[in-house]
Protein backbone atom coordinates (compact mmCIF):
# COMPACT_ATOMS: atom_id res chain seq x y z
CA UNK A 1 0.00 0.00 0.00
CA UNK A 2 2.75 2.45 0.95
CA UNK A 3 4.62 1.62 -2.25
CA UNK A 4 1.52 2.45 -4.29
CA UNK A 5 1.01 5.73 -2.43
CA UNK A 6 4.63 6.69 -3.07
CA UNK A 7 4.09 6.13 -6.79
CA UNK A 8 0.94 8.26 -6.70
CA UNK A 9 2.84 10.97 -4.80
CA UNK A 10 5.25 11.40 -7.70
CA UNK A 11 2.51 12.19 -10.20
CA UNK A 12 2.32 15.84 -11.31
CA UNK A 13 -0.15 17.92 -9.34
CA UNK A 14 -2.37 18.64 -12.40
CA UNK A 15 -2.75 14.90 -12.95
CA UNK A 16 -3.48 14.25 -9.28
CA UNK A 17 -6.17 16.91 -9.29
CA UNK A 18 -7.60 15.51 -12.52
CA UNK A 19 -7.93 12.07 -10.95
CA UNK A 20 -9.36 13.79 -7.89
CA UNK A 21 -12.26 15.19 -9.90
CA UNK A 22 -13.13 11.66 -11.03
CA UNK A 23 -12.80 10.31 -7.49
CA UNK A 24 -15.01 13.08 -6.13
CA UNK A 25 -17.82 12.19 -8.49
CA UNK A 26 -17.49 8.46 -7.81
CA UNK A 27 -17.86 9.02 -4.07
CA UNK A 28 -20.73 11.45 -4.56
CA UNK A 29 -22.68 9.00 -6.74
CA UNK A 30 -22.05 5.99 -4.50
CA UNK A 31 -22.51 7.51 -1.04
CA UNK A 32 -26.00 8.69 0.01
CA UNK A 33 -24.56 9.94 3.33
CA UNK A 34 -22.01 12.10 1.54
CA UNK A 35 -24.69 13.56 -0.76
CA UNK A 36 -26.94 14.25 2.23
CA UNK A 37 -24.44 16.29 4.24
CA UNK A 38 -23.06 18.11 1.21
CA UNK A 39 -26.50 19.29 0.08
CA UNK A 40 -27.72 20.07 3.60
CA UNK A 41 -24.68 22.17 4.50
CA UNK A 42 -24.68 24.08 1.23
CA UNK A 43 -28.41 24.82 1.60
CA UNK A 44 -27.88 25.97 5.21
CA UNK A 45 -25.23 28.43 4.04
CA UNK A 46 -27.54 29.70 1.29
CA UNK A 47 -25.11 28.46 -1.37
CA UNK A 48 -27.24 26.72 -3.95
CA UNK A 49 -26.90 25.82 -7.60
CA UNK A 50 -25.67 22.85 -9.58
CA UNK A 51 -22.50 24.65 -10.73
CA UNK A 52 -21.25 25.25 -7.19
CA UNK A 53 -22.23 21.75 -6.10
CA UNK A 54 -20.26 20.28 -9.00
CA UNK A 55 -17.26 22.41 -8.07
CA UNK A 56 -17.45 21.25 -4.44
CA UNK A 57 -17.54 17.61 -5.54
CA UNK A 58 -14.47 18.15 -7.73
CA UNK A 59 -12.49 20.07 -5.10
CA UNK A 60 -13.24 17.49 -2.40
CA UNK A 61 -11.84 14.77 -4.63
CA UNK A 62 -8.76 16.87 -5.35
CA UNK A 63 -8.23 17.22 -1.62
CA UNK A 64 -8.04 13.44 -1.24
CA UNK A 65 -5.80 12.79 -4.24
CA UNK A 66 -3.26 15.48 -3.28
CA UNK A 67 -2.61 13.94 0.15
CA UNK A 68 0.03 11.39 -0.98
CA UNK A 69 2.02 14.21 -2.58
CA UNK A 70 1.75 16.45 0.50
CA UNK A 71 2.64 13.68 2.95
CA UNK A 72 5.25 11.73 0.99
CA UNK A 73 7.19 14.17 -1.18
CA UNK A 74 10.27 15.85 0.30
CA UNK A 75 9.20 18.75 2.48
CA UNK A 76 10.93 21.42 0.38
CA UNK A 77 9.02 20.21 -2.70
CA UNK A 78 5.72 20.60 -0.89
CA UNK A 79 6.63 24.12 0.24
CA UNK A 80 7.41 25.04 -3.38
CA UNK A 81 3.86 24.05 -4.37
CA UNK A 82 2.81 27.37 -2.81
CA UNK A 83 3.35 29.70 -5.76
CA UNK A 84 1.49 32.69 -4.34
CA UNK A 85 1.41 34.04 -0.78
CA UNK A 86 -0.54 36.85 0.81
CA UNK A 87 -0.23 38.17 4.34
CA UNK A 88 2.97 36.54 5.58
CA UNK A 89 3.88 39.91 7.04
CA UNK A 90 1.14 39.34 9.65
CA UNK A 91 2.96 36.21 10.84
CA UNK A 92 6.28 38.08 10.99
CA UNK A 93 4.71 40.92 12.95
CA UNK A 94 3.06 38.51 15.39
CA UNK A 95 6.36 36.70 15.90
CA UNK A 96 7.99 40.00 16.95
CA UNK A 97 5.27 40.39 19.58
CA UNK A 98 6.80 37.33 21.25
CA UNK A 99 3.65 35.84 22.78
CA UNK A 100 3.05 33.15 20.20
CA UNK A 101 0.76 32.80 17.19
CA UNK A 102 -2.49 30.84 16.96
CA UNK A 103 -2.92 29.70 13.37
CA UNK A 104 -6.64 29.20 12.81
CA UNK A 105 -6.81 26.90 9.78
CA UNK A 106 -10.32 25.80 8.77
CA UNK A 107 -11.11 22.90 6.43
CA UNK A 108 -10.67 25.21 3.46
CA UNK A 109 -8.45 24.47 0.48
CA UNK A 110 -5.50 22.30 1.55
CA UNK A 111 -5.02 22.68 5.28
CA UNK A 112 -2.18 20.14 5.01
CA UNK A 113 -0.29 22.46 2.68
CA UNK A 114 -0.95 25.34 5.07
CA UNK A 115 0.81 23.56 7.91
CA UNK A 116 3.73 22.44 5.75
CA UNK A 117 4.22 25.91 4.30
CA UNK A 118 4.32 27.53 7.73
CA UNK A 119 6.67 24.82 9.04
CA UNK A 120 9.03 25.67 6.19
CA UNK A 121 9.55 29.08 7.77
CA UNK A 122 8.86 28.84 11.50
CA UNK A 123 8.26 26.17 14.18
CA UNK A 124 4.64 25.11 14.59
CA UNK A 125 2.80 22.64 16.82
CA UNK A 126 -0.46 21.39 15.32
CA UNK A 127 -3.37 19.68 17.05
CA UNK A 128 -5.14 16.79 15.37
CA UNK A 129 -7.95 14.31 15.99
CA UNK A 130 -7.10 10.71 15.06
CA UNK A 131 -8.69 9.70 11.72
CA UNK A 132 -11.51 7.16 11.72
CA UNK A 133 -9.29 4.87 9.64
CA UNK A 134 -6.66 4.06 12.27
CA UNK A 135 -4.25 2.75 9.62
CA UNK A 136 -3.96 6.32 8.24
CA UNK A 137 -2.67 7.84 11.48
CA UNK A 138 0.98 6.66 11.21
CA UNK A 139 1.15 7.82 7.59
CA UNK A 140 -0.41 11.18 8.45
CA UNK A 141 1.95 11.76 11.38
CA UNK A 142 5.00 10.72 9.39
CA UNK A 143 3.98 13.07 6.58
CA UNK A 144 3.38 16.01 8.87
CA UNK A 145 6.28 15.55 11.25
CA UNK A 146 8.95 15.01 8.60
CA UNK A 147 9.19 18.80 8.57
CA UNK A 148 11.66 19.34 11.40
CA UNK A 149 9.81 22.48 12.48
CA UNK A 150 6.40 20.74 12.81
CA UNK A 151 5.13 18.73 15.76
CA UNK A 152 1.71 17.04 15.86
CA UNK A 153 -0.16 16.52 19.14
CA UNK A 154 -3.46 14.78 19.82
CA UNK A 155 -6.60 16.71 20.71
CA UNK A 156 -6.50 15.80 24.41
CA UNK A 157 -5.26 17.31 27.66
CA UNK A 158 -1.65 16.47 26.85
CA UNK A 159 -2.03 18.13 23.47
CA UNK A 160 -3.46 21.30 25.00
CA UNK A 161 -0.50 21.47 27.39
CA UNK A 162 1.88 21.12 24.44
CA UNK A 163 0.11 23.99 22.66
CA UNK A 164 0.44 26.21 25.72
CA UNK A 165 4.15 25.43 26.04
CA UNK A 166 4.71 26.27 22.36
CA UNK A 167 2.91 29.61 22.72
CA UNK A 168 4.91 30.47 25.82
CA UNK A 169 8.07 29.84 23.80
CA UNK A 170 6.76 32.42 21.33
CA UNK A 171 6.09 29.80 18.64
CA UNK A 172 3.11 29.14 16.39
CA UNK A 173 0.40 26.55 16.95
CA UNK A 174 -2.21 25.32 14.47
CA UNK A 175 -5.84 24.46 15.26
CA UNK A 176 -8.73 23.46 13.00
CA UNK A 177 -11.54 25.72 14.30
CA UNK A 178 -14.43 23.89 12.64
CA UNK A 179 -13.88 20.46 14.16
CA UNK A 180 -16.73 19.55 16.50
CA UNK A 181 -15.30 19.42 20.05
CA UNK A 182 -16.25 17.06 22.83
CA UNK A 183 -18.59 17.70 25.73
CA UNK A 184 -17.54 20.67 27.85
CA UNK A 185 -15.18 22.04 25.21
CA UNK A 186 -17.60 24.04 23.08
CA UNK A 187 -20.54 26.43 22.85
CA UNK A 188 -23.56 26.52 20.58
CA UNK A 189 -23.14 29.54 18.30
CA UNK A 190 -24.30 30.25 14.76
CA UNK A 191 -22.32 29.00 11.80
CA UNK A 192 -23.95 30.17 8.57
CA UNK A 193 -27.13 30.91 10.50
CA UNK A 194 -27.51 27.55 12.24
CA UNK A 195 -26.28 26.62 15.73
CA UNK A 196 -23.03 24.63 15.60
CA UNK A 197 -21.13 23.30 18.60
CA UNK A 198 -17.91 25.32 18.35
CA UNK A 199 -14.65 24.94 20.26
CA UNK A 200 -13.76 27.40 23.00
CA UNK A 201 -10.12 26.25 23.09
CA UNK A 202 -8.83 28.96 20.76
CA UNK A 203 -10.23 31.76 22.89
CA UNK A 204 -8.89 30.19 26.09
CA UNK A 205 -5.39 29.85 24.65
CA UNK A 206 -5.36 33.47 23.50
CA UNK A 207 -6.65 34.68 26.87
CA UNK A 208 -4.01 32.73 28.83
CA UNK A 209 -1.01 33.67 26.68
CA UNK A 210 -1.77 36.91 24.83
CA UNK A 211 -1.00 35.12 21.55
CA UNK A 212 -1.94 36.64 18.20
CA UNK A 213 -4.67 34.77 16.25
CA UNK A 214 -4.36 34.61 12.47
CA UNK A 215 -6.66 32.86 10.03
CA UNK A 216 -4.74 30.95 7.35
CA UNK A 217 -5.64 28.75 4.39
CA UNK A 218 -4.12 27.51 1.13
CA UNK A 219 -6.40 27.88 -1.88
CA UNK A 220 -5.95 25.45 -4.79
CA UNK A 221 -5.20 27.25 -8.02
CA UNK A 222 -6.85 26.10 -11.27
CA UNK A 223 -5.34 23.35 -13.42
CA UNK A 224 -3.00 22.10 -10.71
CA UNK A 225 -0.80 25.22 -10.81
CA UNK A 226 -0.21 25.01 -7.05
CA UNK A 227 -1.60 26.90 -4.08
CA UNK A 228 -2.08 30.44 -2.85
CA UNK A 229 -1.33 30.80 0.86
CA UNK A 230 -3.36 33.43 2.74
CA UNK A 231 -2.80 34.77 6.27
CA UNK A 232 -4.97 37.47 7.77
CA UNK A 233 -5.80 38.93 11.21
CA UNK A 234 -8.83 37.62 13.08
CA UNK A 235 -11.60 40.16 13.67
CA UNK A 236 -12.46 41.30 17.17
CA UNK A 237 -15.95 40.48 18.51
CA UNK A 238 -18.69 43.00 17.77
CA UNK A 239 -20.40 43.60 21.14
CA UNK A 240 -22.48 41.83 22.33
CA UNK A 241 -21.03 39.14 20.05
CA UNK A 242 -19.07 36.41 21.83
CA UNK A 243 -15.47 35.52 20.88
CA UNK A 244 -16.67 32.10 19.70
CA UNK A 245 -19.21 33.67 17.36
CA UNK A 246 -16.51 36.05 16.09
CA UNK A 247 -14.39 32.99 15.32
CA UNK A 248 -17.17 31.44 13.24
CA UNK A 249 -17.81 34.75 11.49
CA UNK A 250 -14.16 34.93 10.46
CA UNK A 251 -14.29 31.37 9.10
CA UNK A 252 -17.50 32.14 7.21
CA UNK A 253 -15.89 35.17 5.62
CA UNK A 254 -12.95 33.12 4.34
CA UNK A 255 -15.22 30.35 3.04
CA UNK A 256 -17.31 32.79 1.01
CA UNK A 257 -14.18 33.78 -0.94
CA UNK A 258 -13.70 30.26 -2.29
CA UNK A 259 -16.81 28.28 -1.27
CA UNK A 260 -16.09 25.35 -3.59
CA UNK A 261 -13.00 24.46 -1.54
CA UNK A 262 -14.64 24.06 1.86
CA UNK A 263 -15.27 20.57 3.28
CA UNK A 264 -19.05 20.80 3.06
CA UNK A 265 -19.56 17.05 3.49
CA UNK A 266 -18.38 17.25 7.12
CA UNK A 267 -21.21 16.94 9.65
CA UNK A 268 -20.52 20.34 11.19
CA UNK A 269 -23.88 20.53 12.99
CA UNK A 270 -23.82 17.21 14.83
CA UNK A 271 -24.60 16.96 18.54
CA UNK A 272 -21.61 15.33 20.29
CA UNK A 273 -22.28 12.57 22.82
CA UNK A 274 -23.24 14.05 26.18
CA UNK A 275 -23.87 17.55 24.82
CA UNK A 276 -27.28 19.17 25.29
CA UNK A 277 -28.74 20.10 21.88
CA UNK A 278 -29.19 23.82 21.13
CA UNK A 279 -32.27 25.19 22.83
CA UNK A 280 -32.37 22.19 25.15
CA UNK A 281 -34.42 20.14 22.67
């Protein structure tokens, strides 16, 4: 299996993305569950139309097919896949502040490329949840941690402690803000107009350390030309808006710029085990 993935990793990015379009449609046609969440989430966000849905299907497939290249190619090759960058000066400015940087990286574009690109320039500790396919975890960790400046930690108490230590060293950490947290680790706030259980960890880390939050993503460019890395400041809450709602608003704003590249098939609105549904229903 690993041998096959290494062969796939060597294919040119345009070819990988071309195969990804085919894969995306195969999964869409064969999986009722995938179709359900994709359509429901797009409708909730008010993003309708067959053209956008087709683009989402294609981009989701590209996201799967590019993974062998991102995880298995030499790290410097992956960094060079970023052919455009906007906002790196925000990261440099935050680093001078000396209190650490919280990289808020939603499931938009290639979040794997985002982490690798940042690790090519500055140390970063990233939090992850183990994949449902346990056999993927060693490959994922090997792919991420081969960058000497990247460290991956599990989304548990030990991982949170590692994030705090990295921030106190003045380093960057990376968190996926749109993963559904466990009981006691989130609040029900709107995400595209519908209550979504949203993590409070990011706000707690910023409050405890004074770190600078920046939203980052890597947009796929057409025809496999590479990626455009974007870093931008996070907006402050608009009173009486909560920090968690401000977080979701920032993610929404980024998604609306390239909606086809968001992971719409993710069950963002699920009720985690032990969590009271919104409104107490």
